[in-house]
Amino acid sequence: MKPVVFILNGPNLNLLGLREPAVYGSATLADVEARARTVGEGLGLEIETRQSNHEGDLVDWIQEARTAAQGVVLNAGAYSHTSIAIVDAIRAAGVPVIEVHISNIHARERFRHHSYVSAVAAGVIVGCGIDGYEFALQALARRITPLELETISV
């Protein structure tokens, strides 16, 4: 059975491709999800994608990951900068979470510079566009199914 990874997207990410394409690009959420499934398959992962504009849904899904997934890729959107509830859910879940932001939050408005999620994430990827999801899956695959090192004889 393949390890399961949840890809969770927060508020307004359902508008990818329409909302501020100069910032977020032209790819839609469906494009991101399809690419993630392809990348995940290549890494031996089963990918489950979800999106909600509601903080409580994200909290519920992170809690669900505790027993249903081996890792989470999380783009909490604006909730990254405001949600202690999401932070608490990540702490309780006990699975690695890689935080992803399509844009470089540090080059944007000042209120976006701080992410509460970053403090509890296993890794943070910002400003790489939708490639960030692929990078996050690669990082999780290494954490979930560590490569065995070959013993080199001399």
Protein backbone atom coordinates (compact mmCIF):
# COMPACT_ATOMS: atom_id res chain seq x y z
CA MET A 1 0.00 0.00 0.00
CA LYS A 2 1.32 3.42 -0.97
CA PRO A 3 1.84 6.09 1.68
CA VAL A 4 -0.95 8.68 1.60
CA VAL A 5 -0.23 12.40 1.42
CA PHE A 6 -2.92 15.02 1.80
CA ILE A 7 -2.55 18.20 -0.23
CA LEU A 8 -4.64 20.81 1.54
CA ASN A 9 -5.35 24.22 0.03
CA GLY A 10 -6.95 27.05 1.92
CA PRO A 11 -8.95 30.15 1.11
CA ASN A 12 -9.09 31.57 -2.39
CA LEU A 13 -6.90 28.86 -3.89
CA ASN A 14 -10.00 27.65 -5.73
CA LEU A 15 -9.54 30.85 -7.77
CA LEU A 16 -6.06 29.96 -9.07
CA GLY A 17 -5.75 30.95 -12.70
CA LEU A 18 -8.26 33.77 -12.21
CA ARG A 19 -7.06 35.61 -9.11
CA GLU A 20 -4.05 37.85 -9.61
CA PRO A 21 -2.32 35.83 -12.35
CA ALA A 22 0.69 38.15 -12.15
CA VAL A 23 1.21 36.90 -8.57
CA TYR A 24 -0.11 33.32 -8.70
CA GLY A 25 0.28 32.37 -12.36
CA SER A 26 -2.25 31.01 -14.84
CA ALA A 27 -2.46 27.40 -13.62
CA THR A 28 -5.78 26.42 -12.06
CA LEU A 29 -6.24 24.41 -8.88
CA ALA A 30 -7.26 21.46 -11.09
CA ASP A 31 -3.90 21.83 -12.90
CA VAL A 32 -2.04 21.84 -9.58
CA GLU A 33 -3.92 18.78 -8.35
CA ALA A 34 -3.39 16.81 -11.58
CA ARG A 35 0.32 17.57 -11.56
CA ALA A 36 0.58 16.62 -7.89
CA ARG A 37 -1.06 13.25 -8.58
CA THR A 38 1.40 12.60 -11.43
CA VAL A 39 4.40 13.60 -9.32
CA GLY A 40 3.08 11.63 -6.34
CA GLU A 41 2.63 8.52 -8.45
CA GLY A 42 6.24 8.80 -9.61
CA LEU A 43 7.33 9.03 -5.97
CA GLY A 44 5.22 6.06 -4.91
CA LEU A 45 2.69 8.20 -3.03
CA GLU A 46 -1.08 8.23 -3.05
CA ILE A 47 -2.25 11.84 -3.25
CA GLU A 48 -5.52 13.11 -1.83
CA THR A 49 -6.34 16.75 -2.59
CA ARG A 50 -8.78 19.04 -0.80
CA GLN A 51 -9.54 22.77 -0.79
CA SER A 52 -11.70 24.88 1.47
CA ASN A 53 -12.26 28.52 2.22
CA HIS A 54 -13.17 27.54 5.79
CA GLU A 55 -10.59 27.32 8.55
CA GLY A 56 -12.46 24.59 10.43
CA ASP A 57 -12.35 22.29 7.38
CA LEU A 58 -8.57 22.63 7.25
CA VAL A 59 -8.32 21.91 10.97
CA ASP A 60 -10.54 18.82 10.58
CA TRP A 61 -8.48 17.52 7.65
CA ILE A 62 -5.16 18.06 9.43
CA GLN A 63 -6.54 16.15 12.40
CA GLU A 64 -7.74 13.40 10.04
CA ALA A 65 -4.19 13.09 8.68
CA ARG A 66 -3.16 11.79 12.10
CA THR A 67 -4.64 8.39 11.21
CA ALA A 68 -5.24 8.59 7.45
CA ALA A 69 -2.05 10.05 5.97
CA GLN A 70 1.69 9.90 6.40
CA GLY A 71 2.23 13.56 5.52
CA VAL A 72 0.58 16.81 4.48
CA VAL A 73 1.39 19.50 1.94
CA LEU A 74 -0.39 22.59 3.22
CA ASN A 75 -1.03 25.88 1.49
CA ALA A 76 -3.15 27.51 4.17
CA GLY A 77 -3.30 30.76 2.20
CA ALA A 78 -4.12 33.75 4.39
CA TYR A 79 -4.76 31.45 7.37
CA SER A 80 -0.98 30.95 7.53
CA HIS A 81 -0.74 34.47 8.93
CA THR A 82 -3.65 34.27 11.36
CA SER A 83 -4.57 30.76 12.49
CA ILE A 84 -3.46 29.38 15.83
CA ALA A 85 -6.09 26.65 15.37
CA ILE A 86 -4.23 25.30 12.33
CA VAL A 87 -0.95 25.39 14.26
CA ASP A 88 -2.51 23.43 17.11
CA ALA A 89 -3.94 20.87 14.64
CA ILE A 90 -0.51 20.39 13.06
CA ARG A 91 1.06 19.83 16.47
CA ALA A 92 -1.64 17.28 17.35
CA ALA A 93 -1.47 15.44 14.01
CA GLY A 94 2.04 14.13 14.51
CA VAL A 95 2.75 13.83 10.76
CA PRO A 96 5.21 15.94 8.78
CA VAL A 97 3.67 19.03 7.20
CA ILE A 98 5.38 20.96 4.42
CA GLU A 99 4.06 24.50 4.09
CA VAL A 100 3.79 25.84 0.54
CA HIS A 101 3.15 29.35 -0.75
CA ILE A 102 3.00 29.95 -4.50
CA SER A 103 4.15 33.56 -4.14
CA ASN A 104 7.08 34.83 -2.12
CA ILE A 105 5.24 35.98 1.00
CA HIS A 106 8.37 37.82 2.16
CA ALA A 107 8.29 40.08 -0.89
CA ARG A 108 4.65 41.01 -0.45
CA GLU A 109 2.65 43.06 2.05
CA ARG A 110 4.18 43.21 5.51
CA PHE A 111 1.31 41.30 7.16
CA ARG A 112 2.18 38.28 4.96
CA HIS A 113 5.78 38.11 6.14
CA HIS A 114 4.95 36.10 9.26
CA SER A 115 3.47 32.62 9.07
CA TYR A 116 2.36 30.86 12.23
CA VAL A 117 2.39 27.59 10.28
CA SER A 118 6.13 27.90 9.56
CA ALA A 119 6.97 27.45 13.24
CA VAL A 120 5.48 23.93 13.28
CA ALA A 121 6.07 22.84 9.68
CA ALA A 122 8.74 20.28 8.81
CA GLY A 123 9.67 22.53 5.87
CA VAL A 124 8.60 25.71 4.11
CA ILE A 125 8.63 26.40 0.37
CA VAL A 126 7.79 29.92 -0.81
CA GLY A 127 7.97 31.78 -4.09
CA CYS A 128 8.51 28.82 -6.41
CA GLY A 129 5.10 29.02 -8.06
CA ILE A 130 3.21 25.78 -8.37
CA ASP A 131 6.55 23.93 -8.54
CA GLY A 132 6.53 24.33 -4.77
CA TYR A 133 3.98 21.52 -4.51
CA GLU A 134 6.31 19.18 -6.39
CA PHE A 135 9.24 20.17 -4.16
CA ALA A 136 7.08 19.55 -1.08
CA LEU A 137 6.09 16.10 -2.31
CA GLN A 138 9.72 15.23 -2.95
CA ALA A 139 10.64 16.34 0.57
CA LEU A 140 7.78 14.33 2.10
CA ALA A 141 8.63 11.25 0.05
CA ARG A 142 12.15 11.34 1.49
CA ARG A 143 10.81 11.68 5.04
CA ILE A 144 8.15 9.00 4.65
CA THR A 145 10.17 6.44 2.71
CA PRO A 146 13.84 7.17 3.42
CA LEU A 147 16.24 5.91 0.79
CA GLU A 148 18.46 3.15 2.01
CA LEU A 149 22.12 4.01 1.64
CA GLU A 150 24.27 1.43 -0.04
CA THR A 151 27.28 0.24 1.90
CA ILE A 152 30.39 1.03 -0.05
CA SER A 153 33.26 -1.39 0.39
CA VAL A 154 36.79 -0.17 0.00
